[in-house]
């Protein structure tokens, strides 16, 4: 069994303009928000959910992006409402949010 039920990695990669990067789309703010939401829901820690920062996940052109393991589901997001939906539906409820899924 994995140490965490779900492990989430947010790309926080920074590239100089004019290159695209997740950092230019509020990824750090959304990662911090997701981490806070999981903590407030009592879903963080061993056997639960872990929200992490990551370097380049090599999908910045589709980003900002994050990936949820062990399912290896990739998401994009725009705002806190998108993060809330991913947290509540997938991270807590186990149901993938198809509208935000990257293929």
N, C-alpha and C. Protein backbone atom coordinates (compact mmCIF):
# COMPACT_ATOMS: atom_id res chain seq x y z
N UNK A 1 0.84 -1.19 0.00
CA UNK A 1 0.00 0.00 0.00
C UNK A 1 0.89 1.25 0.00
N UNK A 2 0.44 2.25 -0.74
CA UNK A 2 1.16 3.52 -0.81
C UNK A 2 1.06 4.27 0.51
N UNK A 3 2.03 5.11 0.77
CA UNK A 3 2.02 5.92 1.99
C UNK A 3 0.84 6.89 1.99
N UNK A 4 0.46 7.37 0.79
CA UNK A 4 -0.69 8.27 0.65
C UNK A 4 -1.74 7.61 -0.23
N UNK A 5 -2.99 7.88 0.07
CA UNK A 5 -4.07 7.39 -0.79
C UNK A 5 -3.98 8.06 -2.16
N UNK A 6 -3.75 9.37 -2.16
CA UNK A 6 -3.55 10.12 -3.39
C UNK A 6 -2.41 11.11 -3.18
N UNK A 7 -1.58 11.25 -4.20
CA UNK A 7 -0.45 12.17 -4.15
C UNK A 7 -0.57 13.10 -5.35
N UNK A 8 -0.63 14.39 -5.09
CA UNK A 8 -0.89 15.39 -6.12
C UNK A 8 0.34 16.26 -6.31
N UNK A 9 0.72 16.44 -7.58
CA UNK A 9 1.86 17.28 -7.93
C UNK A 9 1.40 18.42 -8.82
N UNK A 10 1.66 19.65 -8.37
CA UNK A 10 1.36 20.85 -9.14
C UNK A 10 2.63 21.33 -9.82
N UNK A 11 2.60 21.52 -11.13
CA UNK A 11 3.73 22.10 -11.84
C UNK A 11 3.84 23.57 -11.47
N UNK A 12 5.00 23.96 -10.97
CA UNK A 12 5.26 25.37 -10.63
C UNK A 12 6.42 25.91 -11.45
N UNK A 13 6.67 25.28 -12.58
CA UNK A 13 7.79 25.65 -13.43
C UNK A 13 7.72 27.10 -13.88
N UNK A 14 8.89 27.75 -13.89
CA UNK A 14 9.02 29.13 -14.38
C UNK A 14 9.96 29.15 -15.57
N UNK A 15 9.53 29.83 -16.62
CA UNK A 15 10.36 30.04 -17.81
C UNK A 15 10.32 31.51 -18.15
N UNK A 16 11.41 32.02 -18.72
CA UNK A 16 11.40 33.43 -19.12
C UNK A 16 10.46 33.65 -20.31
N UNK A 17 9.84 34.83 -20.33
CA UNK A 17 8.97 35.20 -21.45
C UNK A 17 9.78 35.15 -22.74
N UNK A 18 9.21 34.79 -23.82
CA UNK A 18 7.78 34.57 -24.08
C UNK A 18 7.34 33.11 -23.92
N UNK A 19 8.19 32.23 -23.37
CA UNK A 19 7.83 30.82 -23.21
C UNK A 19 6.67 30.66 -22.23
N UNK A 20 5.84 29.68 -22.50
CA UNK A 20 4.71 29.36 -21.63
C UNK A 20 5.19 28.60 -20.41
N UNK A 21 4.61 28.91 -19.25
CA UNK A 21 4.90 28.13 -18.05
C UNK A 21 3.73 28.21 -17.08
N UNK A 22 3.63 27.19 -16.26
CA UNK A 22 2.53 27.12 -15.30
C UNK A 22 2.58 28.25 -14.26
N UNK A 23 3.78 28.67 -13.90
CA UNK A 23 3.92 29.74 -12.90
C UNK A 23 3.24 31.03 -13.34
N UNK A 24 3.20 31.28 -14.63
CA UNK A 24 2.55 32.50 -15.13
C UNK A 24 1.03 32.42 -15.14
N UNK A 25 0.49 31.31 -14.70
CA UNK A 25 -0.96 31.12 -14.67
C UNK A 25 -1.47 30.86 -13.26
N UNK A 26 -0.75 31.33 -12.26
CA UNK A 26 -1.21 31.24 -10.88
C UNK A 26 -1.08 29.87 -10.25
N UNK A 27 -0.20 29.02 -10.75
CA UNK A 27 -0.08 27.66 -10.24
C UNK A 27 0.33 27.61 -8.77
N UNK A 28 1.23 28.47 -8.35
CA UNK A 28 1.67 28.46 -6.95
C UNK A 28 0.52 28.81 -6.00
N UNK A 29 -0.26 29.80 -6.38
CA UNK A 29 -1.42 30.17 -5.56
C UNK A 29 -2.43 29.03 -5.49
N UNK A 30 -2.68 28.35 -6.61
CA UNK A 30 -3.64 27.26 -6.63
C UNK A 30 -3.13 26.04 -5.86
N UNK A 31 -1.81 25.80 -5.89
CA UNK A 31 -1.24 24.70 -5.11
C UNK A 31 -1.42 24.96 -3.62
N UNK A 32 -1.11 26.18 -3.20
CA UNK A 32 -1.27 26.54 -1.79
C UNK A 32 -2.74 26.45 -1.37
N UNK A 33 -3.62 26.89 -2.25
CA UNK A 33 -5.06 26.82 -1.96
C UNK A 33 -5.51 25.36 -1.80
N UNK A 34 -5.09 24.48 -2.73
CA UNK A 34 -5.47 23.07 -2.66
C UNK A 34 -4.95 22.43 -1.37
N UNK A 35 -3.72 22.74 -1.01
CA UNK A 35 -3.13 22.20 0.21
C UNK A 35 -3.93 22.64 1.44
N UNK A 36 -4.30 23.89 1.48
CA UNK A 36 -5.09 24.42 2.58
C UNK A 36 -6.47 23.76 2.64
N UNK A 37 -7.11 23.59 1.48
CA UNK A 37 -8.44 22.95 1.43
C UNK A 37 -8.38 21.52 1.97
N UNK A 38 -7.38 20.77 1.55
CA UNK A 38 -7.23 19.38 2.00
C UNK A 38 -7.03 19.34 3.51
N UNK A 39 -6.22 20.25 4.03
CA UNK A 39 -6.00 20.30 5.48
C UNK A 39 -7.29 20.63 6.22
N UNK A 40 -8.02 21.62 5.73
CA UNK A 40 -9.27 22.03 6.38
C UNK A 40 -10.32 20.92 6.36
N UNK A 41 -10.27 20.07 5.35
CA UNK A 41 -11.20 18.95 5.25
C UNK A 41 -10.75 17.75 6.08
N UNK A 42 -9.57 17.84 6.70
CA UNK A 42 -9.05 16.75 7.50
C UNK A 42 -8.59 15.57 6.66
N UNK A 43 -8.20 15.85 5.42
CA UNK A 43 -7.82 14.78 4.48
C UNK A 43 -6.33 14.73 4.20
N UNK A 44 -5.51 15.47 4.95
CA UNK A 44 -4.06 15.46 4.71
C UNK A 44 -3.37 14.50 5.67
N UNK A 45 -2.23 13.99 5.22
CA UNK A 45 -1.42 13.15 6.08
C UNK A 45 -1.34 11.71 5.61
N UNK A 46 -0.64 10.91 6.39
CA UNK A 46 -0.41 9.51 6.07
C UNK A 46 -1.73 8.77 5.81
N UNK A 47 -1.76 8.04 4.70
CA UNK A 47 -2.95 7.28 4.34
C UNK A 47 -4.05 8.12 3.73
N UNK A 48 -3.78 9.42 3.55
CA UNK A 48 -4.79 10.32 3.01
C UNK A 48 -4.24 10.99 1.75
N UNK A 49 -4.29 12.32 1.69
CA UNK A 49 -3.88 13.06 0.49
C UNK A 49 -2.68 13.94 0.80
N UNK A 50 -1.76 13.99 -0.15
CA UNK A 50 -0.59 14.88 -0.05
C UNK A 50 -0.57 15.78 -1.27
N UNK A 51 -0.45 17.09 -1.06
CA UNK A 51 -0.36 18.08 -2.13
C UNK A 51 1.08 18.58 -2.17
N UNK A 52 1.75 18.41 -3.33
CA UNK A 52 3.15 18.80 -3.46
C UNK A 52 3.37 19.78 -4.60
N UNK A 53 4.49 20.50 -4.49
CA UNK A 53 5.01 21.33 -5.57
C UNK A 53 5.88 20.45 -6.45
N UNK A 54 5.92 20.75 -7.73
CA UNK A 54 6.81 20.03 -8.64
C UNK A 54 7.47 21.02 -9.58
N UNK A 55 8.60 20.61 -10.10
CA UNK A 55 9.24 21.36 -11.18
C UNK A 55 8.46 21.08 -12.45
N UNK A 56 9.10 21.25 -13.57
CA UNK A 56 8.43 21.08 -14.85
C UNK A 56 7.89 19.67 -15.02
N UNK A 57 6.60 19.59 -15.34
CA UNK A 57 5.96 18.31 -15.64
C UNK A 57 5.82 18.11 -17.15
N UNK A 58 6.41 19.04 -17.91
CA UNK A 58 6.50 18.96 -19.37
C UNK A 58 5.15 19.02 -20.09
N UNK A 59 4.19 19.73 -19.48
CA UNK A 59 2.90 19.92 -20.14
C UNK A 59 2.45 21.37 -20.02
N UNK A 60 3.40 22.28 -19.87
CA UNK A 60 3.09 23.69 -19.66
C UNK A 60 2.26 24.28 -20.80
N UNK A 61 2.40 23.74 -22.00
CA UNK A 61 1.62 24.26 -23.12
C UNK A 61 0.14 23.95 -22.97
N UNK A 62 -0.22 23.05 -22.06
CA UNK A 62 -1.61 22.72 -21.79
C UNK A 62 -2.04 23.22 -20.41
N UNK A 63 -1.15 23.92 -19.76
CA UNK A 63 -1.31 24.23 -18.35
C UNK A 63 -2.08 25.47 -18.05
N UNK A 64 -2.09 25.79 -16.78
CA UNK A 64 -1.34 25.15 -15.73
C UNK A 64 -1.81 23.71 -15.53
N UNK A 65 -0.93 22.88 -14.97
CA UNK A 65 -1.30 21.47 -14.84
C UNK A 65 -0.90 20.90 -13.50
N UNK A 66 -1.56 19.79 -13.20
CA UNK A 66 -1.28 19.00 -12.00
C UNK A 66 -1.56 17.55 -12.35
N UNK A 67 -0.99 16.62 -11.57
CA UNK A 67 -1.23 15.20 -11.79
C UNK A 67 -1.53 14.54 -10.45
N UNK A 68 -2.49 13.62 -10.48
CA UNK A 68 -2.92 12.91 -9.28
C UNK A 68 -2.52 11.44 -9.40
N UNK A 69 -1.74 10.97 -8.45
CA UNK A 69 -1.34 9.56 -8.39
C UNK A 69 -2.02 8.90 -7.20
N UNK A 70 -2.35 7.61 -7.26
CA UNK A 70 -1.80 6.62 -8.17
C UNK A 70 -2.54 6.49 -9.50
N UNK A 71 -3.61 7.23 -9.70
CA UNK A 71 -4.39 7.08 -10.92
C UNK A 71 -3.71 7.66 -12.16
N UNK A 72 -2.72 8.53 -11.97
CA UNK A 72 -2.03 9.22 -13.07
C UNK A 72 -3.02 10.03 -13.92
N UNK A 73 -3.89 10.76 -13.24
CA UNK A 73 -4.86 11.63 -13.91
C UNK A 73 -4.30 13.04 -13.93
N UNK A 74 -4.21 13.60 -15.15
CA UNK A 74 -3.69 14.94 -15.36
C UNK A 74 -4.84 15.93 -15.48
N UNK A 75 -4.67 17.08 -14.83
CA UNK A 75 -5.69 18.14 -14.87
C UNK A 75 -5.07 19.47 -15.26
N UNK A 76 -5.92 20.32 -15.82
CA UNK A 76 -5.64 21.73 -15.93
C UNK A 76 -6.66 22.44 -15.05
N UNK A 77 -6.46 23.71 -14.79
CA UNK A 77 -7.36 24.47 -13.92
C UNK A 77 -7.21 25.94 -14.23
N UNK A 78 -8.22 26.71 -13.86
CA UNK A 78 -8.20 28.15 -14.09
C UNK A 78 -8.27 28.93 -12.79
N UNK A 79 -9.12 28.46 -11.87
CA UNK A 79 -9.38 29.24 -10.67
C UNK A 79 -9.69 28.33 -9.48
N UNK A 80 -10.03 28.95 -8.36
CA UNK A 80 -10.33 28.21 -7.12
C UNK A 80 -11.53 27.28 -7.28
N UNK A 81 -12.48 27.68 -8.10
CA UNK A 81 -13.65 26.82 -8.32
C UNK A 81 -13.24 25.50 -8.97
N UNK A 82 -12.30 25.56 -9.91
CA UNK A 82 -11.79 24.33 -10.53
C UNK A 82 -11.07 23.47 -9.48
N UNK A 83 -10.26 24.10 -8.65
CA UNK A 83 -9.54 23.36 -7.60
C UNK A 83 -10.54 22.74 -6.63
N UNK A 84 -11.56 23.50 -6.23
CA UNK A 84 -12.59 22.96 -5.34
C UNK A 84 -13.24 21.72 -5.94
N UNK A 85 -13.53 21.77 -7.24
CA UNK A 85 -14.17 20.64 -7.89
C UNK A 85 -13.25 19.42 -7.92
N UNK A 86 -11.98 19.63 -8.21
CA UNK A 86 -11.02 18.52 -8.22
C UNK A 86 -10.87 17.94 -6.81
N UNK A 87 -10.74 18.80 -5.81
CA UNK A 87 -10.60 18.35 -4.43
C UNK A 87 -11.81 17.54 -4.00
N UNK A 88 -12.99 18.10 -4.17
CA UNK A 88 -14.20 17.45 -3.69
C UNK A 88 -14.56 16.20 -4.48
N UNK A 89 -14.48 16.29 -5.81
CA UNK A 89 -14.88 15.16 -6.64
C UNK A 89 -13.83 14.06 -6.65
N UNK A 90 -12.58 14.39 -6.98
CA UNK A 90 -11.56 13.35 -7.16
C UNK A 90 -10.81 13.03 -5.88
N UNK A 91 -10.22 14.03 -5.25
CA UNK A 91 -9.36 13.75 -4.10
C UNK A 91 -10.12 13.22 -2.90
N UNK A 92 -11.34 13.69 -2.70
CA UNK A 92 -12.16 13.21 -1.59
C UNK A 92 -13.12 12.10 -2.05
N UNK A 93 -13.79 12.34 -3.19
CA UNK A 93 -14.84 11.41 -3.63
C UNK A 93 -14.40 10.30 -4.57
N UNK A 94 -13.19 10.40 -5.13
CA UNK A 94 -12.70 9.35 -6.02
C UNK A 94 -13.22 9.40 -7.45
N UNK A 95 -13.93 10.48 -7.81
CA UNK A 95 -14.50 10.59 -9.16
C UNK A 95 -13.72 11.62 -9.98
N UNK A 96 -13.18 11.20 -11.13
CA UNK A 96 -12.40 12.07 -12.00
C UNK A 96 -13.28 13.20 -12.54
N UNK A 97 -12.73 14.41 -12.62
CA UNK A 97 -13.42 15.57 -13.17
C UNK A 97 -13.06 15.63 -14.65
N UNK A 98 -13.90 15.05 -15.47
CA UNK A 98 -13.60 14.90 -16.91
C UNK A 98 -13.42 16.23 -17.63
N UNK A 99 -14.17 17.25 -17.24
CA UNK A 99 -14.10 18.53 -17.96
C UNK A 99 -12.75 19.22 -17.81
N UNK A 100 -11.99 18.87 -16.76
CA UNK A 100 -10.68 19.48 -16.51
C UNK A 100 -9.53 18.53 -16.82
N UNK A 101 -9.84 17.33 -17.23
CA UNK A 101 -8.81 16.31 -17.48
C UNK A 101 -8.03 16.60 -18.75
N UNK A 102 -6.71 16.45 -18.65
CA UNK A 102 -5.84 16.56 -19.82
C UNK A 102 -5.63 15.15 -20.38
N UNK A 103 -5.64 15.07 -21.70
CA UNK A 103 -5.42 13.74 -22.32
C UNK A 103 -4.10 13.71 -23.05
